[in-house]
Amino acid sequence: MQVGFPHVRTVIHIRRRTEAKAETWEEAYYLSSHESDQYTTEQWLQLIRDHWAGCEIRNHWRKDAILFEDKTRSRNENIVGNLAIMRNSVLFFYIEHRAHYPVLPAFIESVAANPSFAYRLVYK
């Protein structure tokens, strides 16, 4: 299969069953720069699970629980897109300054209380 990405060595196709309200099947594709024979099937599946679990812990939970992403009710693509960029930027800057701010709300409060700090984050 040709995917048009120069560093892709493996395309993984997974068909999985979900049971939220009713049983459904979904298909997912994953791209990797590793050779297909580098891992067993079980190892590939664990790599995929670990990657997405890490994303959920590192990003999605913070966006949902602290930055209230799920409470955004706008259907305007520009508003939703801009808010997503802003939330991602907050997480980026927080990670850079995590040594000084042990929790994300403390970082947000510090930025809100000190506009010059916010400008220095962007214009350094």
N, C-alpha and C. Protein backbone atom coordinates (compact mmCIF):
# COMPACT_ATOMS: atom_id res chain seq x y z
N MET A 1 0.86 -1.18 0.00
CA MET A 1 0.00 0.00 0.00
C MET A 1 0.90 1.24 0.00
N GLN A 2 0.63 2.16 -0.88
CA GLN A 2 1.37 3.42 -0.93
C GLN A 2 0.65 4.45 -0.09
N VAL A 3 1.38 5.11 0.84
CA VAL A 3 0.75 6.11 1.70
C VAL A 3 1.26 7.51 1.42
N GLY A 4 2.37 7.65 0.69
CA GLY A 4 2.86 8.97 0.33
C GLY A 4 3.64 9.68 1.43
N PHE A 5 4.06 8.97 2.46
CA PHE A 5 4.89 9.54 3.50
C PHE A 5 6.28 8.91 3.37
N PRO A 6 7.32 9.71 3.24
CA PRO A 6 8.64 9.15 2.93
C PRO A 6 9.24 8.25 3.99
N HIS A 7 8.90 8.41 5.25
CA HIS A 7 9.55 7.63 6.31
C HIS A 7 8.70 6.47 6.83
N VAL A 8 7.54 6.27 6.24
CA VAL A 8 6.67 5.18 6.69
C VAL A 8 7.21 3.86 6.14
N ARG A 9 7.43 2.93 7.06
CA ARG A 9 7.90 1.60 6.68
C ARG A 9 6.81 0.55 6.89
N THR A 10 5.85 0.86 7.76
CA THR A 10 4.82 -0.13 8.09
C THR A 10 3.47 0.55 8.19
N VAL A 11 2.46 -0.07 7.61
CA VAL A 11 1.07 0.36 7.77
C VAL A 11 0.36 -0.76 8.51
N ILE A 12 -0.27 -0.41 9.62
CA ILE A 12 -0.95 -1.40 10.44
C ILE A 12 -2.45 -1.16 10.33
N HIS A 13 -3.18 -2.20 10.04
CA HIS A 13 -4.63 -2.12 9.92
C HIS A 13 -5.24 -2.95 11.04
N ILE A 14 -6.08 -2.31 11.84
CA ILE A 14 -6.73 -3.01 12.95
C ILE A 14 -8.23 -2.89 12.80
N ARG A 15 -8.91 -4.00 12.96
CA ARG A 15 -10.37 -4.03 12.97
C ARG A 15 -10.77 -4.43 14.38
N ARG A 16 -11.52 -3.57 15.07
CA ARG A 16 -11.86 -3.86 16.47
C ARG A 16 -13.34 -3.70 16.72
N ARG A 17 -13.79 -4.46 17.71
CA ARG A 17 -15.19 -4.45 18.10
C ARG A 17 -15.36 -3.53 19.31
N THR A 18 -16.38 -2.71 19.29
CA THR A 18 -16.68 -1.84 20.43
C THR A 18 -18.10 -2.16 20.91
N GLU A 19 -18.34 -1.90 22.17
CA GLU A 19 -19.65 -2.19 22.75
C GLU A 19 -20.11 -1.02 23.61
N ALA A 20 -20.24 0.15 23.07
CA ALA A 20 -20.72 1.29 23.85
C ALA A 20 -22.22 1.12 24.11
N LYS A 21 -23.04 1.36 23.14
CA LYS A 21 -24.49 1.15 23.28
C LYS A 21 -24.91 -0.12 22.56
N ALA A 22 -24.23 -0.36 21.45
CA ALA A 22 -24.49 -1.57 20.69
C ALA A 22 -23.17 -2.03 20.10
N GLU A 23 -23.11 -3.28 19.77
CA GLU A 23 -21.88 -3.80 19.20
C GLU A 23 -21.65 -3.20 17.82
N THR A 24 -20.47 -2.63 17.63
CA THR A 24 -20.09 -2.10 16.32
C THR A 24 -18.65 -2.49 16.04
N TRP A 25 -18.28 -2.42 14.79
CA TRP A 25 -16.91 -2.68 14.37
C TRP A 25 -16.34 -1.41 13.78
N GLU A 26 -15.07 -1.15 14.09
CA GLU A 26 -14.41 0.01 13.51
C GLU A 26 -13.03 -0.42 13.00
N GLU A 27 -12.57 0.33 12.03
CA GLU A 27 -11.26 0.05 11.47
C GLU A 27 -10.35 1.23 11.73
N ALA A 28 -9.09 0.93 12.01
CA ALA A 28 -8.10 1.97 12.28
C ALA A 28 -6.81 1.61 11.55
N TYR A 29 -6.11 2.64 11.11
CA TYR A 29 -4.84 2.46 10.43
C TYR A 29 -3.77 3.23 11.20
N TYR A 30 -2.61 2.63 11.34
CA TYR A 30 -1.49 3.26 12.03
C TYR A 30 -0.27 3.20 11.13
N LEU A 31 0.51 4.26 11.15
CA LEU A 31 1.71 4.35 10.34
C LEU A 31 2.92 4.34 11.26
N SER A 32 3.98 3.66 10.84
CA SER A 32 5.19 3.60 11.65
C SER A 32 6.42 3.69 10.77
N SER A 33 7.47 4.28 11.32
CA SER A 33 8.75 4.34 10.62
C SER A 33 9.59 3.08 10.90
N HIS A 34 9.11 2.20 11.74
CA HIS A 34 9.80 0.93 12.02
C HIS A 34 9.45 -0.11 10.97
N GLU A 35 10.35 -1.04 10.75
CA GLU A 35 10.08 -2.13 9.83
C GLU A 35 9.04 -3.07 10.44
N SER A 36 8.22 -3.66 9.61
CA SER A 36 7.11 -4.48 10.11
C SER A 36 7.57 -5.69 10.90
N ASP A 37 8.73 -6.23 10.58
CA ASP A 37 9.20 -7.42 11.30
C ASP A 37 9.99 -7.08 12.57
N GLN A 38 10.06 -5.80 12.91
CA GLN A 38 10.79 -5.39 14.11
C GLN A 38 10.07 -5.81 15.39
N TYR A 39 8.73 -5.93 15.33
CA TYR A 39 7.93 -6.29 16.49
C TYR A 39 6.99 -7.42 16.15
N THR A 40 6.58 -8.17 17.17
CA THR A 40 5.55 -9.17 16.98
C THR A 40 4.19 -8.46 16.93
N THR A 41 3.16 -9.19 16.57
CA THR A 41 1.81 -8.62 16.54
C THR A 41 1.42 -8.09 17.92
N GLU A 42 1.71 -8.85 18.95
CA GLU A 42 1.38 -8.43 20.31
C GLU A 42 2.14 -7.16 20.70
N GLN A 43 3.40 -7.06 20.29
CA GLN A 43 4.20 -5.87 20.61
C GLN A 43 3.67 -4.64 19.86
N TRP A 44 3.27 -4.81 18.61
CA TRP A 44 2.68 -3.69 17.86
C TRP A 44 1.42 -3.19 18.58
N LEU A 45 0.56 -4.12 18.98
CA LEU A 45 -0.67 -3.74 19.67
C LEU A 45 -0.37 -3.01 20.97
N GLN A 46 0.63 -3.48 21.72
CA GLN A 46 0.98 -2.82 22.97
C GLN A 46 1.55 -1.43 22.72
N LEU A 47 2.35 -1.26 21.69
CA LEU A 47 2.88 0.06 21.33
C LEU A 47 1.75 1.04 21.02
N ILE A 48 0.76 0.57 20.27
CA ILE A 48 -0.39 1.43 19.93
C ILE A 48 -1.17 1.78 21.18
N ARG A 49 -1.45 0.79 22.03
CA ARG A 49 -2.18 1.06 23.28
C ARG A 49 -1.42 2.06 24.16
N ASP A 50 -0.12 1.84 24.32
CA ASP A 50 0.70 2.72 25.16
C ASP A 50 0.72 4.15 24.61
N HIS A 51 0.82 4.28 23.30
CA HIS A 51 0.84 5.61 22.71
C HIS A 51 -0.46 6.35 23.01
N TRP A 52 -1.58 5.73 22.75
CA TRP A 52 -2.86 6.42 22.93
C TRP A 52 -3.20 6.61 24.39
N ALA A 53 -2.80 5.67 25.25
CA ALA A 53 -3.02 5.87 26.69
C ALA A 53 -2.21 7.06 27.18
N GLY A 54 -0.98 7.20 26.70
CA GLY A 54 -0.15 8.35 27.07
C GLY A 54 -0.74 9.65 26.59
N CYS A 55 -1.29 9.65 25.38
CA CYS A 55 -1.96 10.86 24.87
C CYS A 55 -3.13 11.24 25.76
N GLU A 56 -3.89 10.25 26.15
CA GLU A 56 -5.06 10.52 27.00
C GLU A 56 -4.64 11.12 28.32
N ILE A 57 -3.61 10.56 28.93
CA ILE A 57 -3.16 11.05 30.23
C ILE A 57 -2.50 12.42 30.10
N ARG A 58 -1.61 12.58 29.12
CA ARG A 58 -0.85 13.82 28.99
C ARG A 58 -1.68 14.98 28.48
N ASN A 59 -2.56 14.73 27.56
CA ASN A 59 -3.22 15.83 26.88
C ASN A 59 -4.71 15.90 27.09
N HIS A 60 -5.42 14.88 26.72
CA HIS A 60 -6.88 14.96 26.70
C HIS A 60 -7.47 15.19 28.08
N TRP A 61 -6.95 14.51 29.09
CA TRP A 61 -7.50 14.71 30.42
C TRP A 61 -7.29 16.15 30.86
N ARG A 62 -6.09 16.69 30.64
CA ARG A 62 -5.82 18.08 31.02
C ARG A 62 -6.75 19.04 30.27
N LYS A 63 -6.92 18.79 28.97
CA LYS A 63 -7.79 19.67 28.18
C LYS A 63 -9.23 19.59 28.66
N ASP A 64 -9.69 18.39 29.00
CA ASP A 64 -11.08 18.21 29.43
C ASP A 64 -11.31 18.70 30.85
N ALA A 65 -10.48 18.24 31.79
CA ALA A 65 -10.73 18.50 33.20
C ALA A 65 -10.30 19.89 33.65
N ILE A 66 -9.22 20.42 33.08
CA ILE A 66 -8.69 21.70 33.56
C ILE A 66 -9.00 22.84 32.59
N LEU A 67 -8.90 22.57 31.29
CA LEU A 67 -9.14 23.63 30.30
C LEU A 67 -10.55 23.58 29.71
N PHE A 68 -11.38 22.68 30.21
CA PHE A 68 -12.82 22.59 29.88
C PHE A 68 -13.11 22.46 28.38
N GLU A 69 -12.30 21.68 27.70
CA GLU A 69 -12.50 21.52 26.26
C GLU A 69 -13.87 20.94 25.93
N ASP A 70 -14.33 19.97 26.70
CA ASP A 70 -15.62 19.34 26.41
C ASP A 70 -16.80 20.26 26.65
N LYS A 71 -16.61 21.35 27.36
CA LYS A 71 -17.70 22.28 27.63
C LYS A 71 -17.87 23.32 26.51
N THR A 72 -17.00 23.27 25.51
CA THR A 72 -17.12 24.18 24.37
C THR A 72 -18.37 23.79 23.58
N ARG A 73 -19.30 24.70 23.45
CA ARG A 73 -20.57 24.39 22.79
C ARG A 73 -20.67 24.99 21.39
N SER A 74 -19.69 25.76 21.00
CA SER A 74 -19.73 26.38 19.68
C SER A 74 -19.61 25.32 18.59
N ARG A 75 -20.28 25.53 17.50
CA ARG A 75 -20.16 24.68 16.32
C ARG A 75 -19.40 25.41 15.21
N ASN A 76 -18.94 26.61 15.52
CA ASN A 76 -18.19 27.40 14.55
C ASN A 76 -16.77 26.83 14.45
N GLU A 77 -16.38 26.38 13.27
CA GLU A 77 -15.07 25.74 13.07
C GLU A 77 -13.92 26.65 13.47
N ASN A 78 -14.02 27.94 13.17
CA ASN A 78 -12.94 28.87 13.49
C ASN A 78 -12.79 29.04 14.99
N ILE A 79 -13.90 29.17 15.70
CA ILE A 79 -13.83 29.31 17.16
C ILE A 79 -13.25 28.05 17.79
N VAL A 80 -13.78 26.90 17.42
CA VAL A 80 -13.32 25.64 17.99
C VAL A 80 -11.84 25.42 17.67
N GLY A 81 -11.44 25.70 16.44
CA GLY A 81 -10.04 25.54 16.04
C GLY A 81 -9.11 26.47 16.80
N ASN A 82 -9.51 27.73 16.95
CA ASN A 82 -8.68 28.69 17.67
C ASN A 82 -8.57 28.33 19.16
N LEU A 83 -9.66 27.88 19.75
CA LEU A 83 -9.60 27.46 21.15
C LEU A 83 -8.68 26.24 21.31
N ALA A 84 -8.72 25.34 20.36
CA ALA A 84 -7.84 24.16 20.42
C ALA A 84 -6.38 24.59 20.34
N ILE A 85 -6.07 25.53 19.45
CA ILE A 85 -4.70 26.04 19.35
C ILE A 85 -4.27 26.70 20.65
N MET A 86 -5.16 27.47 21.24
CA MET A 86 -4.83 28.13 22.51
C MET A 86 -4.59 27.11 23.62
N ARG A 87 -5.43 26.09 23.70
CA ARG A 87 -5.24 25.06 24.73
C ARG A 87 -3.93 24.32 24.52
N ASN A 88 -3.62 23.97 23.28
CA ASN A 88 -2.36 23.30 22.99
C ASN A 88 -1.18 24.19 23.36
N SER A 89 -1.29 25.48 23.11
CA SER A 89 -0.21 26.41 23.46
C SER A 89 -0.02 26.48 24.97
N VAL A 90 -1.12 26.53 25.70
CA VAL A 90 -1.02 26.54 27.17
C VAL A 90 -0.29 25.29 27.65
N LEU A 91 -0.65 24.13 27.12
CA LEU A 91 0.02 22.90 27.53
C LEU A 91 1.50 22.91 27.14
N PHE A 92 1.82 23.43 25.98
CA PHE A 92 3.22 23.53 25.54
C PHE A 92 4.03 24.39 26.49
N PHE A 93 3.52 25.58 26.80
CA PHE A 93 4.25 26.48 27.69
C PHE A 93 4.32 25.93 29.11
N TYR A 94 3.26 25.28 29.54
CA TYR A 94 3.27 24.68 30.88
C TYR A 94 4.36 23.62 30.97
N ILE A 95 4.46 22.75 29.98
CA ILE A 95 5.47 21.70 30.00
C ILE A 95 6.87 22.30 30.05
N GLU A 96 7.09 23.41 29.34
CA GLU A 96 8.39 24.09 29.37
C GLU A 96 8.71 24.65 30.75
N HIS A 97 7.69 25.01 31.53
CA HIS A 97 7.89 25.66 32.84
C HIS A 97 7.42 24.80 34.01
N ARG A 98 7.26 23.53 33.78
CA ARG A 98 6.73 22.63 34.80
C ARG A 98 7.58 22.59 36.06
N ALA A 99 8.88 22.83 35.94
CA ALA A 99 9.75 22.79 37.12
C ALA A 99 9.35 23.86 38.14
N HIS A 100 8.81 24.99 37.66
CA HIS A 100 8.43 26.09 38.55
C HIS A 100 6.97 26.02 38.97
N TYR A 101 6.17 25.28 38.23
CA TYR A 101 4.72 25.19 38.50
C TYR A 101 4.33 23.72 38.54
N PRO A 102 4.18 23.16 39.71
CA PRO A 102 3.92 21.71 39.80
C PRO A 102 2.58 21.28 39.22
N VAL A 103 1.61 22.19 39.16
CA VAL A 103 0.30 21.82 38.61
C VAL A 103 -0.13 22.87 37.59
N LEU A 104 -0.88 22.43 36.60
CA LEU A 104 -1.33 23.31 35.53
C LEU A 104 -2.15 24.50 36.02
N PRO A 105 -3.08 24.35 36.95
CA PRO A 105 -3.83 25.53 37.40
C PRO A 105 -2.94 26.62 37.99
N ALA A 106 -1.87 26.26 38.68
CA ALA A 106 -0.95 27.26 39.22
C ALA A 106 -0.28 28.04 38.10
N PHE A 107 0.09 27.35 37.03
CA PHE A 107 0.69 28.01 35.88
C PHE A 107 -0.31 28.98 35.23
N ILE A 108 -1.54 28.53 35.05
CA ILE A 108 -2.57 29.38 34.43
C ILE A 108 -2.82 30.61 35.29
N GLU A 109 -2.91 30.45 36.59
CA GLU A 109 -3.12 31.59 37.48
C GLU A 109 -1.96 32.57 37.41
N SER A 110 -0.76 32.06 37.34
CA SER A 110 0.42 32.93 37.25
C SER A 110 0.42 33.74 35.97
N VAL A 111 0.09 33.10 34.86
CA VAL A 111 0.03 33.80 33.58
C VAL A 111 -1.08 34.85 33.60
N ALA A 112 -2.23 34.51 34.15
CA ALA A 112 -3.36 35.44 34.21
C ALA A 112 -3.03 36.64 35.09
N ALA A 113 -2.27 36.43 36.15
CA ALA A 113 -1.95 37.51 37.09
C ALA A 113 -0.81 38.38 36.61
N ASN A 114 -0.06 37.91 35.62
CA ASN A 114 1.13 38.64 35.20
C ASN A 114 1.21 38.68 33.67
N PRO A 115 0.55 39.65 33.02
CA PRO A 115 0.55 39.70 31.56
C PRO A 115 1.95 39.77 30.94
N SER A 116 2.89 40.41 31.62
CA SER A 116 4.23 40.49 31.04
C SER A 116 4.87 39.10 30.96
N PHE A 117 4.53 38.21 31.91
CA PHE A 117 5.01 36.83 31.84
C PHE A 117 4.43 36.14 30.60
N ALA A 118 3.16 36.37 30.34
CA ALA A 118 2.51 35.78 29.15
C ALA A 118 3.19 36.27 27.87
N TYR A 119 3.50 37.55 27.79
CA TYR A 119 4.19 38.09 26.60
C TYR A 119 5.58 37.48 26.46
N ARG A 120 6.28 37.30 27.57
CA ARG A 120 7.62 36.71 27.51
C ARG A 120 7.57 35.26 27.02
N LEU A 121 6.50 34.55 27.35
CA LEU A 121 6.36 33.18 26.85
C LEU A 121 6.32 33.15 25.32
N VAL A 122 5.59 34.08 24.77
CA VAL A 122 5.37 34.10 23.33
C VAL A 122 6.54 34.73 22.58
N TYR A 123 7.13 35.77 23.14
CA TYR A 123 8.15 36.55 22.45
C TYR A 123 9.54 36.36 23.03
N LYS A 124 9.93 35.15 23.28
CA LYS A 124 11.27 34.97 23.81
C LYS A 124 12.28 34.71 22.73
